[in-house]
Protein backbone atom coordinates (compact mmCIF):
# COMPACT_ATOMS: atom_id res chain seq x y z
CA MET A 1 114.39 86.29 122.29
CA VAL A 2 117.10 84.46 120.15
CA SER A 3 114.64 81.50 120.41
CA LEU A 4 111.96 83.33 118.94
CA VAL A 5 113.80 84.72 115.96
CA ARG A 6 115.25 81.22 115.40
CA ARG A 7 111.65 80.04 115.28
CA TRP A 8 110.66 82.83 113.03
CA ALA A 9 113.51 81.91 110.47
CA VAL A 10 113.18 78.27 110.66
CA GLU A 11 109.69 77.23 111.49
CA TRP A 12 107.84 80.21 109.82
CA ILE A 13 109.74 81.74 106.95
CA ALA A 14 111.74 78.56 105.81
CA ALA A 15 109.23 76.17 106.43
CA ALA A 16 106.20 78.35 105.38
CA ASP A 17 104.16 77.44 108.41
CA PRO A 18 101.95 80.06 109.66
CA SER A 19 100.63 77.98 112.36
CA VAL A 20 103.71 78.80 114.42
CA CYS A 21 102.95 82.70 113.98
CA ALA A 22 100.50 82.67 117.14
CA GLU A 23 103.19 81.52 119.43
CA ILE A 24 105.77 83.53 118.39
CA LEU A 25 104.31 86.85 117.32
CA ALA A 26 102.13 89.17 119.50
CA PRO A 27 98.53 89.98 118.18
CA GLU A 28 99.71 93.39 117.42
CA TYR A 29 102.79 92.40 115.48
CA GLN A 30 103.80 94.42 112.49
CA ILE A 31 106.59 95.13 110.21
CA LEU A 32 107.97 98.40 108.67
CA ILE A 33 109.39 97.72 105.18
CA GLY A 34 110.04 99.69 102.20
CA GLY A 35 107.95 102.34 103.62
CA TYR A 36 105.06 100.20 104.47
CA VAL A 37 103.48 99.18 107.73
CA LEU A 38 102.42 95.47 107.27
CA GLY A 39 100.14 94.45 110.58
CA PRO A 40 98.80 93.57 112.75
CA ARG A 41 99.76 89.93 113.05
CA GLU A 42 96.93 88.54 110.66
CA ARG A 43 97.38 91.03 108.02
CA TYR A 44 101.09 90.61 108.22
CA ILE A 45 100.89 86.60 107.83
CA GLU A 46 98.38 87.00 104.82
CA GLY A 47 100.88 89.22 103.02
CA THR A 48 103.94 87.15 103.80
CA VAL A 49 101.96 83.90 102.75
CA GLU A 50 101.73 85.55 99.24
CA GLN A 51 105.59 86.04 98.87
CA LEU A 52 106.19 82.59 100.25
CA ASP A 53 103.69 81.10 97.85
CA ARG A 54 105.75 82.49 94.91
CA PHE A 55 108.93 80.90 96.14
CA PRO A 56 107.89 77.42 97.36
CA GLY A 57 110.80 75.98 99.30
CA LEU A 58 112.26 79.50 100.13
CA GLY A 59 115.33 79.11 102.18
CA LEU A 60 116.95 81.58 104.71
CA THR A 61 120.62 81.89 105.74
CA VAL A 62 121.69 83.61 108.65
CA HIS A 63 124.87 85.63 108.60
CA GLU A 64 125.00 87.67 111.61
CA LEU A 65 122.89 88.27 114.78
CA ILE A 66 123.35 90.67 117.44
CA ARG A 67 121.14 91.07 120.69
CA SER A 68 120.87 93.78 123.32
CA GLU A 69 118.18 95.38 125.71
CA GLY A 70 115.16 93.97 124.28
CA ARG A 71 116.28 94.31 120.69
CA LEU A 72 117.82 91.85 118.13
CA ALA A 73 119.13 92.25 114.75
CA VAL A 74 119.65 89.79 111.92
CA ARG A 75 121.56 89.78 108.71
CA PHE A 76 120.35 87.06 106.50
CA THR A 77 119.95 86.03 102.83
CA GLU A 78 116.50 84.59 101.21
CA HIS A 79 116.91 82.22 98.54
CA GLY A 80 114.35 80.34 96.23
CA ALA A 81 113.05 79.82 92.87
CA SER A 82 110.01 81.81 91.46
CA VAL A 83 107.05 79.38 90.45
CA LYS A 84 105.89 82.33 88.49
CA LEU A 85 108.66 82.72 86.36
CA ASP A 86 109.71 79.15 85.22
CA ASP A 87 111.54 78.32 88.46
CA ARG A 88 114.20 80.95 87.90
CA ALA A 89 116.44 81.42 90.97
CA ALA A 90 117.70 84.07 93.19
CA ALA A 91 119.31 85.09 96.41
CA TRP A 92 118.80 88.43 97.82
CA GLY A 93 120.01 89.97 101.23
CA GLY A 94 118.05 91.50 104.08
CA ILE A 95 118.37 92.80 107.42
CA ALA A 96 115.61 92.83 110.12
CA LEU A 97 115.50 94.60 113.52
CA PHE A 98 113.20 93.09 116.18
CA ARG A 99 111.55 94.15 119.35
CA TRP A 100 109.84 92.00 121.90
CA ASN A 101 107.68 92.15 124.98
CA GLY A 102 109.40 89.59 126.87
CA GLU A 103 107.27 86.90 125.59
CA GLN A 104 106.66 87.44 121.80
CA LEU A 105 107.94 89.60 118.92
CA THR A 106 106.08 92.63 118.81
CA GLU A 107 107.72 94.72 115.75
CA CYS A 108 110.19 94.45 113.03
CA PHE A 109 112.22 97.14 111.26
CA ALA A 110 113.36 95.51 107.86
CA GLU A 111 114.55 95.97 104.21
CA GLU A 112 115.58 93.33 101.63
CA ASP A 113 117.51 93.87 98.39
CA TYR A 114 114.73 93.53 95.97
CA LEU A 115 116.36 95.29 93.18
CA ALA A 116 118.93 92.34 93.16
CA ARG A 117 116.25 89.72 93.26
CA ARG A 118 114.44 91.24 90.31
CA ARG A 119 118.05 91.60 88.45
CA GLN A 120 118.50 87.80 88.92
CA LEU A 121 115.00 86.69 88.07
CA ALA A 122 115.05 88.84 84.70
CA GLY A 123 117.28 86.33 83.52
CA GLU A 124 120.83 86.64 85.18
CA ARG A 125 122.35 83.75 86.92
CA CYS A 126 121.43 83.48 90.62
CA ASP A 127 123.82 85.24 92.88
CA PRO A 128 125.94 83.27 95.39
CA ILE A 129 125.09 83.16 98.92
CA ASP A 130 127.06 84.89 101.60
CA ARG A 131 128.75 82.46 104.14
CA PRO A 132 126.59 81.51 107.00
CA SER A 133 127.27 82.39 110.67
CA PRO A 134 128.35 79.12 112.45
CA ALA A 135 126.41 79.60 115.46
CA PRO A 136 123.94 82.33 115.04
CA TRP A 137 121.39 81.02 117.76
CA ASN A 138 124.24 81.11 120.27
CA ALA A 139 124.11 84.85 120.25
CA THR A 140 123.96 86.26 123.96
CA HIS A 141 123.00 89.84 125.27
CA VAL A 142 125.78 92.25 125.01
CA GLU A 143 125.27 95.77 126.80
CA PRO A 144 124.74 98.88 124.48
CA ASP A 145 127.53 101.17 123.77
CA PRO A 146 126.19 104.84 123.49
CA GLU A 147 129.56 105.88 122.09
CA ALA A 148 129.41 103.51 119.24
CA GLU A 149 125.77 104.72 118.59
CA ALA A 150 127.02 108.27 118.48
CA VAL A 151 129.77 107.35 116.07
CA VAL A 152 126.98 105.66 113.63
CA ARG A 153 124.57 108.56 113.94
CA ALA A 154 127.36 110.95 112.87
CA TRP A 155 128.32 108.75 110.11
CA LEU A 156 124.78 108.27 108.75
CA ALA A 157 124.77 112.08 108.83
CA THR A 158 127.45 112.32 106.33
CA GLY A 159 125.78 109.95 103.84
CA GLY A 160 128.86 108.36 102.50
CA PHE A 161 128.59 104.80 104.20
CA ALA A 162 132.53 104.84 104.34
CA GLY A 163 133.49 101.45 105.62
CA ALA A 164 130.56 99.52 104.89
CA GLU A 165 129.41 97.51 101.90
CA LEU A 166 126.39 98.47 100.32
CA ASP A 167 123.54 96.15 99.01
CA ASP A 168 125.33 93.68 96.53
CA ALA A 169 128.60 95.39 96.31
CA TRP A 170 130.20 92.40 98.18
CA LEU A 171 129.83 90.56 94.88
CA GLY A 172 131.92 93.12 93.00
CA ARG A 173 128.79 94.89 91.38
CA PRO A 174 128.42 98.60 91.39
CA ALA A 175 126.60 100.38 94.25
CA PRO A 176 126.85 103.96 93.79
CA LEU A 177 125.54 106.64 96.16
CA LEU A 178 122.21 107.65 95.16
CA LEU A 179 121.61 110.90 97.07
CA ASP A 180 123.32 114.11 97.13
CA ASP A 181 123.05 116.04 100.66
CA PRO A 182 121.02 113.47 102.30
CA GLU A 183 119.45 113.65 105.68
CA THR A 184 118.59 110.57 107.72
CA GLU A 185 115.38 110.31 109.81
CA LEU A 186 116.12 107.01 111.98
CA THR A 187 113.16 104.69 112.96
CA GLU A 188 115.47 102.32 115.06
CA LEU A 189 119.04 102.30 116.25
CA PHE A 190 120.61 100.18 119.00
CA SER A 191 123.83 98.61 119.67
CA ALA A 192 125.45 95.52 121.31
CA GLY A 193 128.91 96.54 122.35
CA PRO A 194 130.42 97.83 119.08
CA ARG A 195 127.80 96.30 116.73
CA VAL A 196 125.29 98.81 115.96
CA ALA A 197 122.10 98.09 113.97
CA PHE A 198 119.77 100.79 112.48
CA HIS A 199 116.83 101.42 110.18
CA GLY A 200 115.56 104.39 108.66
CA LEU A 201 114.91 106.84 105.83
CA GLN A 202 117.25 109.07 103.91
CA ARG A 203 116.14 112.01 101.81
CA GLY A 204 118.08 114.14 99.40
CA ARG A 205 118.66 115.07 95.71
CA TYR A 206 118.82 112.33 93.19
CA ALA A 207 122.46 111.76 92.14
CA GLY A 208 121.67 109.22 89.40
CA GLY A 209 122.77 105.46 89.37
CA LEU A 210 119.65 103.58 88.89
CA GLU A 211 118.55 102.15 85.50
CA GLY A 212 115.48 102.49 83.69
CA ILE A 213 114.17 105.98 84.90
CA ASP A 214 114.14 109.42 83.33
CA ALA A 215 114.50 111.45 86.48
CA ALA A 216 117.18 114.10 86.30
CA PRO A 217 119.93 114.12 88.67
CA GLY A 218 118.97 116.78 91.28
CA SER A 219 115.30 115.63 91.59
CA GLU A 220 114.02 115.17 95.19
CA ALA A 221 114.39 111.58 96.16
CA ALA A 222 114.49 109.21 99.19
CA HIS A 223 115.33 105.61 100.01
CA HIS A 224 114.76 103.47 103.03
CA LEU A 225 117.64 101.64 104.35
CA VAL A 226 118.77 99.09 107.12
CA GLY A 227 122.29 98.39 108.41
CA LEU A 228 124.38 96.21 110.67
CA VAL A 229 127.91 97.73 111.21
CA THR A 230 131.01 97.51 113.66
CA VAL A 231 132.61 100.46 115.22
CA ALA A 232 136.30 100.53 115.92
CA ASP A 233 138.79 103.28 116.94
CA ALA A 234 135.58 105.93 116.76
CA ARG A 235 134.77 104.73 113.23
CA VAL A 236 132.73 102.52 111.14
CA SER A 237 134.99 99.76 110.27
CA GLU A 238 132.99 97.30 108.36
CA GLY A 239 129.34 96.45 108.04
CA ARG A 240 126.63 95.91 105.34
CA VAL A 241 123.88 98.51 104.43
CA ILE A 242 121.02 97.72 102.32
CA ARG A 243 118.84 100.27 100.54
CA ASP A 244 115.47 100.10 99.08
CA ARG A 245 116.48 100.90 95.68
CA LEU A 246 113.63 99.28 93.86
CA GLY A 247 111.32 101.42 96.01
CA MET A 248 113.31 104.44 95.17
CA GLN A 249 113.38 103.50 91.38
CA ARG A 250 109.43 103.03 91.23
CA ALA A 251 108.99 106.41 93.11
CA LEU A 252 111.34 108.34 90.63
CA ALA A 253 109.71 106.55 87.64
CA GLY A 254 106.23 107.61 89.05
CA ALA A 255 104.57 104.09 88.98
CA ARG A 256 104.47 101.21 91.33
CA THR A 257 105.16 98.22 89.05
């Protein structure tokens, strides 16, 4: 499975070579991102090529990778220059959780920090890229830890994300909580020892914090999210969570731009 995801990252995304997809992706392959399902395989390829064409020479740097029980999670940064915006450069984080059938990848649950990308493409300097993992493709299978999973489920129920970094906050940028009284609906959660990966949807009342919208605090709101965290001493001690802030901003503004 690690080899397949390596080929996904290096031969498909970074090399922009769709010919490899028939080998590494099952015909029914689909990705759930930002609340949208893109699949099966040929439809996914078509949609992804559109983005790759926007960023010729796109790079992908891997920061973390865990594997357990037919599941794999990878945290990465995509970085490139937009051919449609005078080659302005951007670097934005993402986390993807994969499933496979023993031979090919079958499903992916992912989010990427498209709000950070939009900020950079609007004229800000390109963000720095987080340090790479020295050997992500050497990751081995680690048995799941149900106790760590229970800690993360309870942690998500609080909605506070204590112990983890949100979105681009690792750069010193503000990343406020966006929802009051959130409830989390998980689409995927698994562990590799104390490392826990998850993907889901949070619903609650808008707490403010997004620019460029007129929605009043207290309005019903939701955002998709993905995370990769570490549990120690029965608490989340570190990790990264990426929220679909751009999708939430668009929904609250009442238009998809």
